[in-house]
Amino acid sequence: MVYSEEELLEAKRQIDSTLHKLAETIKTLEGKENPARYKSQITLAKRRIQAFTLAVDLIQRELEQRTT
């Protein structure tokens, strides 16, 4: 599927926003009194960060290829 530059930029913006929220969630959960209780949520958030970071990298690569 071919995406427009605007679609890619909007997707990147949305993913960046989600990444920020996930990072804040991890900080909050790790800062709780008993962070071990939230281990599964922390692990899930970290895995999502990895996946979204990969997605942002791929979007960025696609955008850079279009400008060259």
PDB file of N, CA and C in Angstrom:
ATOM      1  N   MET A   1       0.843  -1.180   0.000  1.00  0.00           N
ATOM      2  CA  MET A   1       0.000   0.000   0.000  1.00  0.00           C
ATOM      3  C   MET A   1       0.889   1.245   0.000  1.00  0.00           C
ATOM      4  N   VAL A   2       0.475   2.223  -0.750  1.00  0.00           N
ATOM      5  CA  VAL A   2       1.239   3.462  -0.854  1.00  0.00           C
ATOM      6  C   VAL A   2       0.561   4.525   0.013  1.00  0.00           C
ATOM      7  N   TYR A   3       1.357   5.154   0.861  1.00  0.00           N
ATOM      8  CA  TYR A   3       0.844   6.194   1.754  1.00  0.00           C
ATOM      9  C   TYR A   3       1.383   7.545   1.315  1.00  0.00           C
ATOM     10  N   SER A   4       0.573   8.559   1.482  1.00  0.00           N
ATOM     11  CA  SER A   4       1.024   9.906   1.144  1.00  0.00           C
ATOM     12  C   SER A   4       1.985  10.400   2.226  1.00  0.00           C
ATOM     13  N   GLU A   5       2.727  11.432   1.885  1.00  0.00           N
ATOM     14  CA  GLU A   5       3.652  12.015   2.858  1.00  0.00           C
ATOM     15  C   GLU A   5       2.884  12.526   4.081  1.00  0.00           C
ATOM     16  N   GLU A   6       1.729  13.104   3.844  1.00  0.00           N
ATOM     17  CA  GLU A   6       0.914  13.623   4.946  1.00  0.00           C
ATOM     18  C   GLU A   6       0.466  12.494   5.876  1.00  0.00           C
ATOM     19  N   GLU A   7       0.080  11.364   5.294  1.00  0.00           N
ATOM     20  CA  GLU A   7      -0.336  10.216   6.108  1.00  0.00           C
ATOM     21  C   GLU A   7       0.825   9.695   6.953  1.00  0.00           C
ATOM     22  N   LEU A   8       1.995   9.626   6.350  1.00  0.00           N
ATOM     23  CA  LEU A   8       3.168   9.156   7.083  1.00  0.00           C
ATOM     24  C   LEU A   8       3.532  10.109   8.218  1.00  0.00           C
ATOM     25  N   LEU A   9       3.484  11.401   7.943  1.00  0.00           N
ATOM     26  CA  LEU A   9       3.813  12.384   8.978  1.00  0.00           C
ATOM     27  C   LEU A   9       2.809  12.337  10.127  1.00  0.00           C
ATOM     28  N   GLU A  10       1.542  12.172   9.800  1.00  0.00           N
ATOM     29  CA  GLU A  10       0.519  12.091  10.852  1.00  0.00           C
ATOM     30  C   GLU A  10       0.683  10.813  11.668  1.00  0.00           C
ATOM     31  N   ALA A  11       0.970   9.711  11.000  1.00  0.00           N
ATOM     32  CA  ALA A  11       1.195   8.455  11.718  1.00  0.00           C
ATOM     33  C   ALA A  11       2.389   8.594  12.662  1.00  0.00           C
ATOM     34  N   LYS A  12       3.453   9.215  12.182  1.00  0.00           N
ATOM     35  CA  LYS A  12       4.643   9.422  13.015  1.00  0.00           C
ATOM     36  C   LYS A  12       4.312  10.301  14.216  1.00  0.00           C
ATOM     37  N   ARG A  13       3.534  11.343  13.993  1.00  0.00           N
ATOM     38  CA  ARG A  13       3.154  12.235  15.086  1.00  0.00           C
ATOM     39  C   ARG A  13       2.346  11.483  16.145  1.00  0.00           C
ATOM     40  N   GLN A  14       1.415  10.668  15.695  1.00  0.00           N
ATOM     41  CA  GLN A  14       0.592   9.906  16.632  1.00  0.00           C
ATOM     42  C   GLN A  14       1.425   8.883  17.405  1.00  0.00           C
ATOM     43  N   ILE A  15       2.325   8.222  16.718  1.00  0.00           N
ATOM     44  CA  ILE A  15       3.177   7.232  17.381  1.00  0.00           C
ATOM     45  C   ILE A  15       4.100   7.915  18.381  1.00  0.00           C
ATOM     46  N   ASP A  16       4.663   9.064  18.005  1.00  0.00           N
ATOM     47  CA  ASP A  16       5.522   9.803  18.934  1.00  0.00           C
ATOM     48  C   ASP A  16       4.752  10.178  20.204  1.00  0.00           C
ATOM     49  N   SER A  17       3.503  10.570  20.046  1.00  0.00           N
ATOM     50  CA  SER A  17       2.668  10.912  21.195  1.00  0.00           C
ATOM     51  C   SER A  17       2.452   9.686  22.086  1.00  0.00           C
ATOM     52  N   THR A  18       2.174   8.563  21.463  1.00  0.00           N
ATOM     53  CA  THR A  18       1.969   7.326  22.220  1.00  0.00           C
ATOM     54  C   THR A  18       3.250   6.901  22.928  1.00  0.00           C
ATOM     55  N   LEU A  19       4.388   7.061  22.258  1.00  0.00           N
ATOM     56  CA  LEU A  19       5.674   6.731  22.889  1.00  0.00           C
ATOM     57  C   LEU A  19       5.896   7.565  24.147  1.00  0.00           C
ATOM     58  N   HIS A  20       5.575   8.843  24.064  1.00  0.00           N
ATOM     59  CA  HIS A  20       5.728   9.724  25.224  1.00  0.00           C
ATOM     60  C   HIS A  20       4.833   9.251  26.375  1.00  0.00           C
ATOM     61  N   LYS A  21       3.600   8.915  26.065  1.00  0.00           N
ATOM     62  CA  LYS A  21       2.666   8.452  27.095  1.00  0.00           C
ATOM     63  C   LYS A  21       3.125   7.134  27.713  1.00  0.00           C
ATOM     64  N   LEU A  22       3.641   6.236  26.884  1.00  0.00           N
ATOM     65  CA  LEU A  22       4.136   4.962  27.403  1.00  0.00           C
ATOM     66  C   LEU A  22       5.336   5.163  28.327  1.00  0.00           C
ATOM     67  N   ALA A  23       6.230   6.068  27.951  1.00  0.00           N
ATOM     68  CA  ALA A  23       7.396   6.345  28.799  1.00  0.00           C
ATOM     69  C   ALA A  23       6.951   6.893  30.150  1.00  0.00           C
ATOM     70  N   GLU A  24       5.961   7.764  30.138  1.00  0.00           N
ATOM     71  CA  GLU A  24       5.443   8.314  31.394  1.00  0.00           C
ATOM     72  C   GLU A  24       4.761   7.226  32.222  1.00  0.00           C
ATOM     73  N   THR A  25       4.077   6.324  31.557  1.00  0.00           N
ATOM     74  CA  THR A  25       3.424   5.212  32.250  1.00  0.00           C
ATOM     75  C   THR A  25       4.457   4.342  32.951  1.00  0.00           C
ATOM     76  N   ILE A  26       5.548   4.055  32.259  1.00  0.00           N
ATOM     77  CA  ILE A  26       6.605   3.238  32.863  1.00  0.00           C
ATOM     78  C   ILE A  26       7.184   3.942  34.085  1.00  0.00           C
ATOM     79  N   LYS A  27       7.455   5.234  33.963  1.00  0.00           N
ATOM     80  CA  LYS A  27       7.979   5.990  35.109  1.00  0.00           C
ATOM     81  C   LYS A  27       7.028   5.900  36.294  1.00  0.00           C
ATOM     82  N   THR A  28       5.749   6.063  36.017  1.00  0.00           N
ATOM     83  CA  THR A  28       4.746   6.024  37.083  1.00  0.00           C
ATOM     84  C   THR A  28       4.702   4.651  37.742  1.00  0.00           C
ATOM     85  N   LEU A  29       4.647   3.611  36.932  1.00  0.00           N
ATOM     86  CA  LEU A  29       4.549   2.260  37.485  1.00  0.00           C
ATOM     87  C   LEU A  29       5.813   1.868  38.245  1.00  0.00           C
ATOM     88  N   GLU A  30       6.969   2.240  37.715  1.00  0.00           N
ATOM     89  CA  GLU A  30       8.219   1.906  38.402  1.00  0.00           C
ATOM     90  C   GLU A  30       8.396   2.721  39.680  1.00  0.00           C
ATOM     91  N   GLY A  31       7.724   3.850  39.761  1.00  0.00           N
ATOM     92  CA  GLY A  31       7.831   4.701  40.938  1.00  0.00           C
ATOM     93  C   GLY A  31       6.861   4.337  42.046  1.00  0.00           C
ATOM     94  N   LYS A  32       5.996   3.399  41.779  1.00  0.00           N
ATOM     95  CA  LYS A  32       5.023   2.994  42.797  1.00  0.00           C
ATOM     96  C   LYS A  32       5.715   2.259  43.937  1.00  0.00           C
ATOM     97  N   GLU A  33       5.000   2.139  45.038  1.00  0.00           N
ATOM     98  CA  GLU A  33       5.556   1.532  46.252  1.00  0.00           C
ATOM     99  C   GLU A  33       6.050   0.108  46.012  1.00  0.00           C
ATOM    100  N   ASN A  34       5.297  -0.671  45.251  1.00  0.00           N
ATOM    101  CA  ASN A  34       5.678  -2.062  44.992  1.00  0.00           C
ATOM    102  C   ASN A  34       5.673  -2.299  43.481  1.00  0.00           C
ATOM    103  N   PRO A  35       6.735  -1.854  42.784  1.00  0.00           N
ATOM    104  CA  PRO A  35       6.737  -1.957  41.319  1.00  0.00           C
ATOM    105  C   PRO A  35       6.687  -3.400  40.803  1.00  0.00           C
ATOM    106  N   ALA A  36       7.108  -4.360  41.607  1.00  0.00           N
ATOM    107  CA  ALA A  36       7.063  -5.761  41.169  1.00  0.00           C
ATOM    108  C   ALA A  36       5.624  -6.194  40.896  1.00  0.00           C
ATOM    109  N   ARG A  37       4.706  -5.569  41.580  1.00  0.00           N
ATOM    110  CA  ARG A  37       3.290  -5.871  41.384  1.00  0.00           C
ATOM    111  C   ARG A  37       2.835  -5.506  39.968  1.00  0.00           C
ATOM    112  N   TYR A  38       3.524  -4.571  39.350  1.00  0.00           N
ATOM    113  CA  TYR A  38       3.147  -4.077  38.025  1.00  0.00           C
ATOM    114  C   TYR A  38       4.095  -4.577  36.934  1.00  0.00           C
ATOM    115  N   LYS A  39       4.809  -5.651  37.230  1.00  0.00           N
ATOM    116  CA  LYS A  39       5.832  -6.146  36.310  1.00  0.00           C
ATOM    117  C   LYS A  39       5.274  -6.426  34.915  1.00  0.00           C
ATOM    118  N   SER A  40       4.123  -7.068  34.828  1.00  0.00           N
ATOM    119  CA  SER A  40       3.580  -7.406  33.506  1.00  0.00           C
ATOM    120  C   SER A  40       3.195  -6.151  32.722  1.00  0.00           C
ATOM    121  N   GLN A  41       2.634  -5.154  33.405  1.00  0.00           N
ATOM    122  CA  GLN A  41       2.276  -3.911  32.721  1.00  0.00           C
ATOM    123  C   GLN A  41       3.520  -3.159  32.252  1.00  0.00           C
ATOM    124  N   ILE A  42       4.561  -3.179  33.084  1.00  0.00           N
ATOM    125  CA  ILE A  42       5.817  -2.514  32.720  1.00  0.00           C
ATOM    126  C   ILE A  42       6.444  -3.212  31.520  1.00  0.00           C
ATOM    127  N   THR A  43       6.460  -4.539  31.544  1.00  0.00           N
ATOM    128  CA  THR A  43       7.020  -5.306  30.428  1.00  0.00           C
ATOM    129  C   THR A  43       6.248  -5.027  29.145  1.00  0.00           C
ATOM    130  N   LEU A  44       4.932  -5.017  29.228  1.00  0.00           N
ATOM    131  CA  LEU A  44       4.105  -4.741  28.055  1.00  0.00           C
ATOM    132  C   LEU A  44       4.391  -3.349  27.499  1.00  0.00           C
ATOM    133  N   ALA A  45       4.484  -2.365  28.373  1.00  0.00           N
ATOM    134  CA  ALA A  45       4.762  -0.993  27.929  1.00  0.00           C
ATOM    135  C   ALA A  45       6.135  -0.913  27.264  1.00  0.00           C
ATOM    136  N   LYS A  46       7.127  -1.587  27.823  1.00  0.00           N
ATOM    137  CA  LYS A  46       8.472  -1.567  27.233  1.00  0.00           C
ATOM    138  C   LYS A  46       8.482  -2.234  25.861  1.00  0.00           C
ATOM    139  N   ARG A  47       7.747  -3.318  25.719  1.00  0.00           N
ATOM    140  CA  ARG A  47       7.675  -3.993  24.416  1.00  0.00           C
ATOM    141  C   ARG A  47       6.951  -3.130  23.391  1.00  0.00           C
ATOM    142  N   ARG A  48       5.941  -2.425  23.833  1.00  0.00           N
ATOM    143  CA  ARG A  48       5.239  -1.519  22.923  1.00  0.00           C
ATOM    144  C   ARG A  48       6.154  -0.387  22.488  1.00  0.00           C
ATOM    145  N   ILE A  49       6.960   0.114  23.406  1.00  0.00           N
ATOM    146  CA  ILE A  49       7.917   1.165  23.051  1.00  0.00           C
ATOM    147  C   ILE A  49       8.871   0.663  21.976  1.00  0.00           C
ATOM    148  N   GLN A  50       9.357  -0.559  22.128  1.00  0.00           N
ATOM    149  CA  GLN A  50      10.259  -1.125  21.119  1.00  0.00           C
ATOM    150  C   GLN A  50       9.569  -1.213  19.757  1.00  0.00           C
ATOM    151  N   ALA A  51       8.337  -1.691  19.752  1.00  0.00           N
ATOM    152  CA  ALA A  51       7.606  -1.848  18.493  1.00  0.00           C
ATOM    153  C   ALA A  51       7.311  -0.494  17.850  1.00  0.00           C
ATOM    154  N   PHE A  52       6.873   0.461  18.648  1.00  0.00           N
ATOM    155  CA  PHE A  52       6.563   1.779  18.099  1.00  0.00           C
ATOM    156  C   PHE A  52       7.825   2.503  17.639  1.00  0.00           C
ATOM    157  N   THR A  53       8.928   2.295  18.331  1.00  0.00           N
ATOM    158  CA  THR A  53      10.194   2.901  17.912  1.00  0.00           C
ATOM    159  C   THR A  53      10.609   2.352  16.551  1.00  0.00           C
ATOM    160  N   LEU A  54      10.438   1.058  16.371  1.00  0.00           N
ATOM    161  CA  LEU A  54      10.730   0.443  15.078  1.00  0.00           C
ATOM    162  C   LEU A  54       9.833   1.049  13.996  1.00  0.00           C
ATOM    163  N   ALA A  55       8.558   1.219  14.298  1.00  0.00           N
ATOM    164  CA  ALA A  55       7.623   1.801  13.331  1.00  0.00           C
ATOM    165  C   ALA A  55       8.032   3.223  12.953  1.00  0.00           C
ATOM    166  N   VAL A  56       8.424   4.011  13.934  1.00  0.00           N
ATOM    167  CA  VAL A  56       8.858   5.386  13.661  1.00  0.00           C
ATOM    168  C   VAL A  56      10.101   5.377  12.775  1.00  0.00           C
ATOM    169  N   ASP A  57      11.031   4.476  13.059  1.00  0.00           N
ATOM    170  CA  ASP A  57      12.242   4.378  12.240  1.00  0.00           C
ATOM    171  C   ASP A  57      11.897   4.039  10.787  1.00  0.00           C
ATOM    172  N   LEU A  58      10.969   3.118  10.596  1.00  0.00           N
ATOM    173  CA  LEU A  58      10.573   2.742   9.240  1.00  0.00           C
ATOM    174  C   LEU A  58       9.865   3.895   8.523  1.00  0.00           C
ATOM    175  N   ILE A  59       9.025   4.601   9.237  1.00  0.00           N
ATOM    176  CA  ILE A  59       8.351   5.764   8.643  1.00  0.00           C
ATOM    177  C   ILE A  59       9.383   6.818   8.265  1.00  0.00           C
ATOM    178  N   GLN A  60      10.323   7.076   9.167  1.00  0.00           N
ATOM    179  CA  GLN A  60      11.364   8.067   8.895  1.00  0.00           C
ATOM    180  C   GLN A  60      12.191   7.669   7.681  1.00  0.00           C
ATOM    181  N   ARG A  61      12.517   6.393   7.585  1.00  0.00           N
ATOM    182  CA  ARG A  61      13.283   5.900   6.439  1.00  0.00           C
ATOM    183  C   ARG A  61      12.508   6.117   5.139  1.00  0.00           C
ATOM    184  N   GLU A  62      11.222   5.824   5.176  1.00  0.00           N
ATOM    185  CA  GLU A  62      10.384   6.026   3.987  1.00  0.00           C
ATOM    186  C   GLU A  62      10.337   7.503   3.599  1.00  0.00           C
ATOM    187  N   LEU A  63      10.195   8.370   4.577  1.00  0.00           N
ATOM    188  CA  LEU A  63      10.154   9.805   4.293  1.00  0.00           C
ATOM    189  C   LEU A  63      11.482  10.293   3.721  1.00  0.00           C
ATOM    190  N   GLU A  64      12.593   9.791   4.250  1.00  0.00           N
ATOM    191  CA  GLU A  64      13.912  10.193   3.750  1.00  0.00           C
ATOM    192  C   GLU A  64      14.139   9.707   2.324  1.00  0.00           C
ATOM    193  N   GLN A  65      13.661   8.522   2.009  1.00  0.00           N
ATOM    194  CA  GLN A  65      13.819   7.990   0.649  1.00  0.00           C
ATOM    195  C   GLN A  65      13.053   8.834  -0.362  1.00  0.00           C
ATOM    196  N   ARG A  66      11.968   9.408   0.068  1.00  0.00           N
ATOM    197  CA  ARG A  66      11.165  10.223  -0.841  1.00  0.00           C
ATOM    198  C   ARG A  66      11.827  11.561  -1.146  1.00  0.00           C
ATOM    199  N   THR A  67      12.686  12.015  -0.258  1.00  0.00           N
ATOM    200  CA  THR A  67      13.322  13.318  -0.474  1.00  0.00           C
ATOM    201  C   THR A  67      14.634  13.197  -1.240  1.00  0.00           C
ATOM    202  N   THR A  68      15.115  11.975  -1.436  1.00  0.00           N
ATOM    203  CA  THR A  68      16.382  11.815  -2.164  1.00  0.00           C
ATOM    204  C   THR A  68      16.145  11.451  -3.604  1.00  0.00           C
TER     205      THR A  68
END
